[in-house]
Amino acid sequence: MAFDDSVEMDRGGDDNEVMVSLRDLHVSYGDREILHGINFDVMRGETLVILGGSGSGKSTLLRTLVGLEQASSGEIWIKGKNIAAISQEEMDEIRKRIGMSFQGSALFGSMTVGDNVALPLREHTKLEESTIEIMLRLKLEQVGLAGFEYYMPSQLSGGMMKRAAVARALAMDPEILFFDEPSAGLDPIIAAGIDQLILELKKAFRMTIIVVTHELASAFLIADRMVLIDKGKIVAIGTTEEMRKSKHPRVRQFLDRVAEPEVARELDYLQMLTEDRRPTDMPGGKGRA
């Protein structure tokens, strides 16, 4: 069945099938290189978590994987096609096979939740409107938002907006699902609900899932394997257990949440200045000599 005539997709396939493969990937902004030769594979049905601190290059990597940034050199293979060397038409077809849940949800505020979820179906399929209405309700039910199709995004809580964004990412029944910081800005209980949703999606649909996050609790819960990126390079890659046992200094620093020496010195200096300028009538104030 032609892809743009149906949202149905074959969930069969070999679990050893490589769904995403990066080979010596370099990405630059102008004269500045952000990613320096990234290599890894992601298998069918696997959840790979990409970890890294601010400025490490993990968000650039995700944007490049979904075609929002262009590689300077190297190869990005998705479902057997090198997206760094295909036409725009071919890339559009690849995008129909992947789903993306953005960090800030990226829902259109002027559209209802249902219309947000239905948008990919209306744009990329020839389905009847009655069928689209059924599909959007099914997707909202899958993420725990049954009955919310007529709500506006402004009427939803942060966690509900994240779920609605996931429902939209699921609209085309993607084989590969990308998440950018799915737990960012959520309280621990709501964040745990998003983690559980990711686990349920993987179990129910055998999806290949790639998640960018810096939330360690979430990462260790949902990941099959992890990649730690630092300054545009892969520091370590392995299972959650392998990462826990790693003795690599950068891995230990990240997992044990040890501040950079320069940052620690800056904080000490700031604290010294703050205490030195405390008025004498403030509790604990030392004043000036």
Foldseek 3Di string as FASTA:
>chain_A
DDLQADLDDDLDDDQAAFFKWWAQWWFADVPRIQAGTDTDTFTFLFEEEEAEDPSLCPVVVLCCQLPNGATPDTFIAGPRDTPNPDDPVVSVVVNLQEFEQEPQLPFDQVAFLLCSLLVCSVVRHPDDPVVSSVLSQVLCVLLPNRPRRRHGPVPDDSLSSSSSSVSSRCSSVHQEYEYEASQPPHPPVSSVSVLVSLVVCSVVRSHGYYYYHLDVVSCLSRHQKYFYGGSNYTPDIGGSVCLVPDPRVVSCCSVVVPDDPVVVVVVVVVVVVVLAPDDPPDVVRPYHD
